[in-house]
């Protein structure tokens, strides 16, 4: 039976330290004198992650309860469960009617166009100029407003 000849990957020695290129990516790693091949830590991690992908669970799971329900002094959900400051009180289950929560919908402001903003700014400047002219006229006519 013929023995397989091991392939030795590119290596070099620098100040009595042997470096060998990674079998996959080619980055050089420090190895022992007897090593014939090496895989760097990044390639090993890549291989492991491909075989065992991380299971990520969603960060937010909706409960069906309104936001901030656990801060309310008393909250009763649709099933009749009673909560005091977020802690369930099983003795009171089904004794109270479900809590009605006001919706917190925000009114959307209409987005103004550039032209509308320019017109509004022009009106403000015109009003300020009118006020300044009136103040100067009053000063010239010796009408001084006190207060």
C-alpha atoms as a PDB file:
ATOM      1  CA  UNK A   1       0.000   0.000   0.000  1.00  0.00           C
ATOM      2  CA  UNK A   2       1.404   3.353  -1.064  1.00  0.00           C
ATOM      3  CA  UNK A   3       1.629   6.125   1.513  1.00  0.00           C
ATOM      4  CA  UNK A   4       0.292   9.541   0.645  1.00  0.00           C
ATOM      5  CA  UNK A   5       2.948  12.188   0.565  1.00  0.00           C
ATOM      6  CA  UNK A   6       1.874  15.159   2.666  1.00  0.00           C
ATOM      7  CA  UNK A   7       1.959  18.521   0.944  1.00  0.00           C
ATOM      8  CA  UNK A   8       4.065  21.012   2.844  1.00  0.00           C
ATOM      9  CA  UNK A   9       2.781  24.569   2.552  1.00  0.00           C
ATOM     10  CA  UNK A  10       5.031  27.579   2.078  1.00  0.00           C
ATOM     11  CA  UNK A  11       7.004  28.500   5.164  1.00  0.00           C
ATOM     12  CA  UNK A  12       9.965  30.600   6.221  1.00  0.00           C
ATOM     13  CA  UNK A  13      12.071  31.009   9.356  1.00  0.00           C
ATOM     14  CA  UNK A  14      12.892  34.333  10.927  1.00  0.00           C
ATOM     15  CA  UNK A  15      15.047  34.563  14.096  1.00  0.00           C
ATOM     16  CA  UNK A  16      14.403  30.904  15.016  1.00  0.00           C
ATOM     17  CA  UNK A  17      10.592  31.279  14.631  1.00  0.00           C
ATOM     18  CA  UNK A  18       8.915  29.321  11.830  1.00  0.00           C
ATOM     19  CA  UNK A  19       6.006  30.886   9.934  1.00  0.00           C
ATOM     20  CA  UNK A  20       3.715  28.924   7.603  1.00  0.00           C
ATOM     21  CA  UNK A  21       0.969  30.081   5.256  1.00  0.00           C
ATOM     22  CA  UNK A  22      -2.640  29.151   6.040  1.00  0.00           C
ATOM     23  CA  UNK A  23      -4.040  26.363   3.844  1.00  0.00           C
ATOM     24  CA  UNK A  24      -7.147  28.418   3.029  1.00  0.00           C
ATOM     25  CA  UNK A  25      -6.381  32.145   3.021  1.00  0.00           C
ATOM     26  CA  UNK A  26      -2.573  32.288   2.862  1.00  0.00           C
ATOM     27  CA  UNK A  27      -1.976  34.382   5.992  1.00  0.00           C
ATOM     28  CA  UNK A  28       1.215  33.463   7.838  1.00  0.00           C
ATOM     29  CA  UNK A  29       0.966  31.885  11.302  1.00  0.00           C
ATOM     30  CA  UNK A  30       3.637  30.855  13.837  1.00  0.00           C
ATOM     31  CA  UNK A  31       4.054  27.038  13.795  1.00  0.00           C
ATOM     32  CA  UNK A  32       6.216  24.262  15.261  1.00  0.00           C
ATOM     33  CA  UNK A  33       9.195  22.853  13.386  1.00  0.00           C
ATOM     34  CA  UNK A  34       7.353  19.595  12.561  1.00  0.00           C
ATOM     35  CA  UNK A  35       4.156  21.187  11.155  1.00  0.00           C
ATOM     36  CA  UNK A  36       3.261  20.488   7.529  1.00  0.00           C
ATOM     37  CA  UNK A  37       0.102  22.596   7.286  1.00  0.00           C
ATOM     38  CA  UNK A  38      -1.847  25.154   9.289  1.00  0.00           C
ATOM     39  CA  UNK A  39      -5.264  26.848   9.312  1.00  0.00           C
ATOM     40  CA  UNK A  40      -5.486  30.306  10.870  1.00  0.00           C
ATOM     41  CA  UNK A  41      -8.035  31.125  13.575  1.00  0.00           C
ATOM     42  CA  UNK A  42     -10.191  33.179  11.200  1.00  0.00           C
ATOM     43  CA  UNK A  43     -10.540  30.299   8.749  1.00  0.00           C
ATOM     44  CA  UNK A  44     -11.352  27.870  11.576  1.00  0.00           C
ATOM     45  CA  UNK A  45     -14.027  30.273  12.822  1.00  0.00           C
ATOM     46  CA  UNK A  46     -15.472  30.588   9.313  1.00  0.00           C
ATOM     47  CA  UNK A  47     -15.628  26.798   8.974  1.00  0.00           C
ATOM     48  CA  UNK A  48     -17.277  26.419  12.389  1.00  0.00           C
ATOM     49  CA  UNK A  49     -19.837  29.150  11.731  1.00  0.00           C
ATOM     50  CA  UNK A  50     -20.780  27.553   8.412  1.00  0.00           C
ATOM     51  CA  UNK A  51     -21.394  24.202  10.122  1.00  0.00           C
ATOM     52  CA  UNK A  52     -23.062  25.589  13.251  1.00  0.00           C
ATOM     53  CA  UNK A  53     -24.877  28.840  12.481  1.00  0.00           C
ATOM     54  CA  UNK A  54     -25.906  30.885  15.482  1.00  0.00           C
ATOM     55  CA  UNK A  55     -29.617  30.836  16.167  1.00  0.00           C
ATOM     56  CA  UNK A  56     -30.747  34.382  16.721  1.00  0.00           C
ATOM     57  CA  UNK A  57     -34.059  35.006  18.385  1.00  0.00           C
ATOM     58  CA  UNK A  58     -36.016  38.167  17.613  1.00  0.00           C
ATOM     59  CA  UNK A  59     -35.251  41.011  20.008  1.00  0.00           C
ATOM     60  CA  UNK A  60     -38.874  42.137  20.401  1.00  0.00           C
ATOM     61  CA  UNK A  61     -41.825  39.771  20.746  1.00  0.00           C
ATOM     62  CA  UNK A  62     -45.193  41.567  20.894  1.00  0.00           C
ATOM     63  CA  UNK A  63     -47.317  40.650  23.940  1.00  0.00           C
ATOM     64  CA  UNK A  64     -50.550  42.247  22.787  1.00  0.00           C
ATOM     65  CA  UNK A  65     -50.457  44.656  25.709  1.00  0.00           C
ATOM     66  CA  UNK A  66     -50.092  48.427  25.289  1.00  0.00           C
ATOM     67  CA  UNK A  67     -46.719  50.094  25.755  1.00  0.00           C
ATOM     68  CA  UNK A  68     -45.982  50.930  29.389  1.00  0.00           C
ATOM     69  CA  UNK A  69     -48.562  48.513  30.819  1.00  0.00           C
ATOM     70  CA  UNK A  70     -46.105  47.332  33.476  1.00  0.00           C
ATOM     71  CA  UNK A  71     -45.791  50.895  34.856  1.00  0.00           C
ATOM     72  CA  UNK A  72     -49.562  51.228  35.470  1.00  0.00           C
ATOM     73  CA  UNK A  73     -50.796  50.900  39.038  1.00  0.00           C
ATOM     74  CA  UNK A  74     -53.368  48.387  37.864  1.00  0.00           C
ATOM     75  CA  UNK A  75     -53.717  46.764  34.459  1.00  0.00           C
ATOM     76  CA  UNK A  76     -56.201  44.084  33.391  1.00  0.00           C
ATOM     77  CA  UNK A  77     -55.600  42.346  30.059  1.00  0.00           C
ATOM     78  CA  UNK A  78     -58.216  40.798  27.734  1.00  0.00           C
ATOM     79  CA  UNK A  79     -57.982  37.389  29.444  1.00  0.00           C
ATOM     80  CA  UNK A  80     -58.829  38.914  32.839  1.00  0.00           C
ATOM     81  CA  UNK A  81     -55.319  38.672  34.304  1.00  0.00           C
ATOM     82  CA  UNK A  82     -54.756  41.463  36.830  1.00  0.00           C
ATOM     83  CA  UNK A  83     -51.354  43.158  37.176  1.00  0.00           C
ATOM     84  CA  UNK A  84     -50.210  45.638  39.844  1.00  0.00           C
ATOM     85  CA  UNK A  85     -47.118  47.547  38.643  1.00  0.00           C
ATOM     86  CA  UNK A  86     -46.291  44.712  36.219  1.00  0.00           C
ATOM     87  CA  UNK A  87     -46.647  41.898  38.803  1.00  0.00           C
ATOM     88  CA  UNK A  88     -49.483  39.445  38.247  1.00  0.00           C
ATOM     89  CA  UNK A  89     -52.041  39.015  41.047  1.00  0.00           C
ATOM     90  CA  UNK A  90     -53.669  35.593  40.469  1.00  0.00           C
ATOM     91  CA  UNK A  91     -56.244  36.070  43.277  1.00  0.00           C
ATOM     92  CA  UNK A  92     -57.992  38.842  41.321  1.00  0.00           C
ATOM     93  CA  UNK A  93     -58.127  37.025  37.948  1.00  0.00           C
ATOM     94  CA  UNK A  94     -61.476  37.576  36.222  1.00  0.00           C
ATOM     95  CA  UNK A  95     -62.832  39.973  38.879  1.00  0.00           C
ATOM     96  CA  UNK A  96     -62.175  43.228  37.007  1.00  0.00           C
ATOM     97  CA  UNK A  97     -63.062  44.453  33.540  1.00  0.00           C
ATOM     98  CA  UNK A  98     -60.233  44.888  30.984  1.00  0.00           C
ATOM     99  CA  UNK A  99     -58.381  48.208  31.114  1.00  0.00           C
ATOM    100  CA  UNK A 100     -59.180  50.651  28.327  1.00  0.00           C
ATOM    101  CA  UNK A 101     -56.076  52.362  27.007  1.00  0.00           C
ATOM    102  CA  UNK A 102     -56.077  55.633  25.104  1.00  0.00           C
ATOM    103  CA  UNK A 103     -54.270  55.404  21.793  1.00  0.00           C
ATOM    104  CA  UNK A 104     -51.138  57.483  21.583  1.00  0.00           C
ATOM    105  CA  UNK A 105     -51.270  58.243  17.873  1.00  0.00           C
ATOM    106  CA  UNK A 106     -49.254  61.312  16.992  1.00  0.00           C
ATOM    107  CA  UNK A 107     -50.572  63.798  14.509  1.00  0.00           C
ATOM    108  CA  UNK A 108     -48.361  63.942  11.484  1.00  0.00           C
ATOM    109  CA  UNK A 109     -47.251  67.424  10.524  1.00  0.00           C
ATOM    110  CA  UNK A 110     -47.408  68.259   6.886  1.00  0.00           C
ATOM    111  CA  UNK A 111     -44.050  68.675   5.273  1.00  0.00           C
ATOM    112  CA  UNK A 112     -43.665  72.119   3.721  1.00  0.00           C
ATOM    113  CA  UNK A 113     -42.064  72.596   0.335  1.00  0.00           C
ATOM    114  CA  UNK A 114     -39.066  74.892  -0.148  1.00  0.00           C
ATOM    115  CA  UNK A 115     -41.285  77.469  -1.796  1.00  0.00           C
ATOM    116  CA  UNK A 116     -43.708  77.494   1.151  1.00  0.00           C
ATOM    117  CA  UNK A 117     -40.805  77.967   3.577  1.00  0.00           C
ATOM    118  CA  UNK A 118     -39.421  80.855   1.510  1.00  0.00           C
ATOM    119  CA  UNK A 119     -42.843  82.544   1.374  1.00  0.00           C
ATOM    120  CA  UNK A 120     -43.257  82.195   5.161  1.00  0.00           C
ATOM    121  CA  UNK A 121     -39.786  83.629   5.806  1.00  0.00           C
ATOM    122  CA  UNK A 122     -40.522  86.535   3.443  1.00  0.00           C
ATOM    123  CA  UNK A 123     -43.757  87.329   5.318  1.00  0.00           C
ATOM    124  CA  UNK A 124     -41.910  87.293   8.675  1.00  0.00           C
ATOM    125  CA  UNK A 125     -39.206  89.634   7.375  1.00  0.00           C
ATOM    126  CA  UNK A 126     -41.819  91.952   5.866  1.00  0.00           C
ATOM    127  CA  UNK A 127     -43.724  92.115   9.177  1.00  0.00           C
ATOM    128  CA  UNK A 128     -40.509  92.837  11.119  1.00  0.00           C
ATOM    129  CA  UNK A 129     -39.562  95.581   8.645  1.00  0.00           C
ATOM    130  CA  UNK A 130     -43.048  97.136   8.913  1.00  0.00           C
ATOM    131  CA  UNK A 131     -42.769  97.150  12.693  1.00  0.00           C
ATOM    132  CA  UNK A 132     -39.326  98.808  12.579  1.00  0.00           C
ATOM    133  CA  UNK A 133     -40.578 101.513  10.155  1.00  0.00           C
ATOM    134  CA  UNK A 134     -43.589 102.236  12.417  1.00  0.00           C
ATOM    135  CA  UNK A 135     -41.277 102.517  15.437  1.00  0.00           C
ATOM    136  CA  UNK A 136     -39.073 105.042  13.600  1.00  0.00           C
ATOM    137  CA  UNK A 137     -42.124 107.073  12.480  1.00  0.00           C
ATOM    138  CA  UNK A 138     -43.414 107.179  16.044  1.00  0.00           C
ATOM    139  CA  UNK A 139     -39.992 108.351  17.266  1.00  0.00           C
ATOM    140  CA  UNK A 140     -39.878 111.128  14.655  1.00  0.00           C
ATOM    141  CA  UNK A 141     -43.431 112.223  15.525  1.00  0.00           C
ATOM    142  CA  UNK A 142     -42.518 112.273  19.235  1.00  0.00           C
ATOM    143  CA  UNK A 143     -44.914 109.445  20.066  1.00  0.00           C
ATOM    144  CA  UNK A 144     -43.105 107.466  22.741  1.00  0.00           C
ATOM    145  CA  UNK A 145     -44.844 104.349  24.037  1.00  0.00           C
ATOM    146  CA  UNK A 146     -44.065 103.734  27.677  1.00  0.00           C
ATOM    147  CA  UNK A 147     -44.311 100.147  28.811  1.00  0.00           C
END
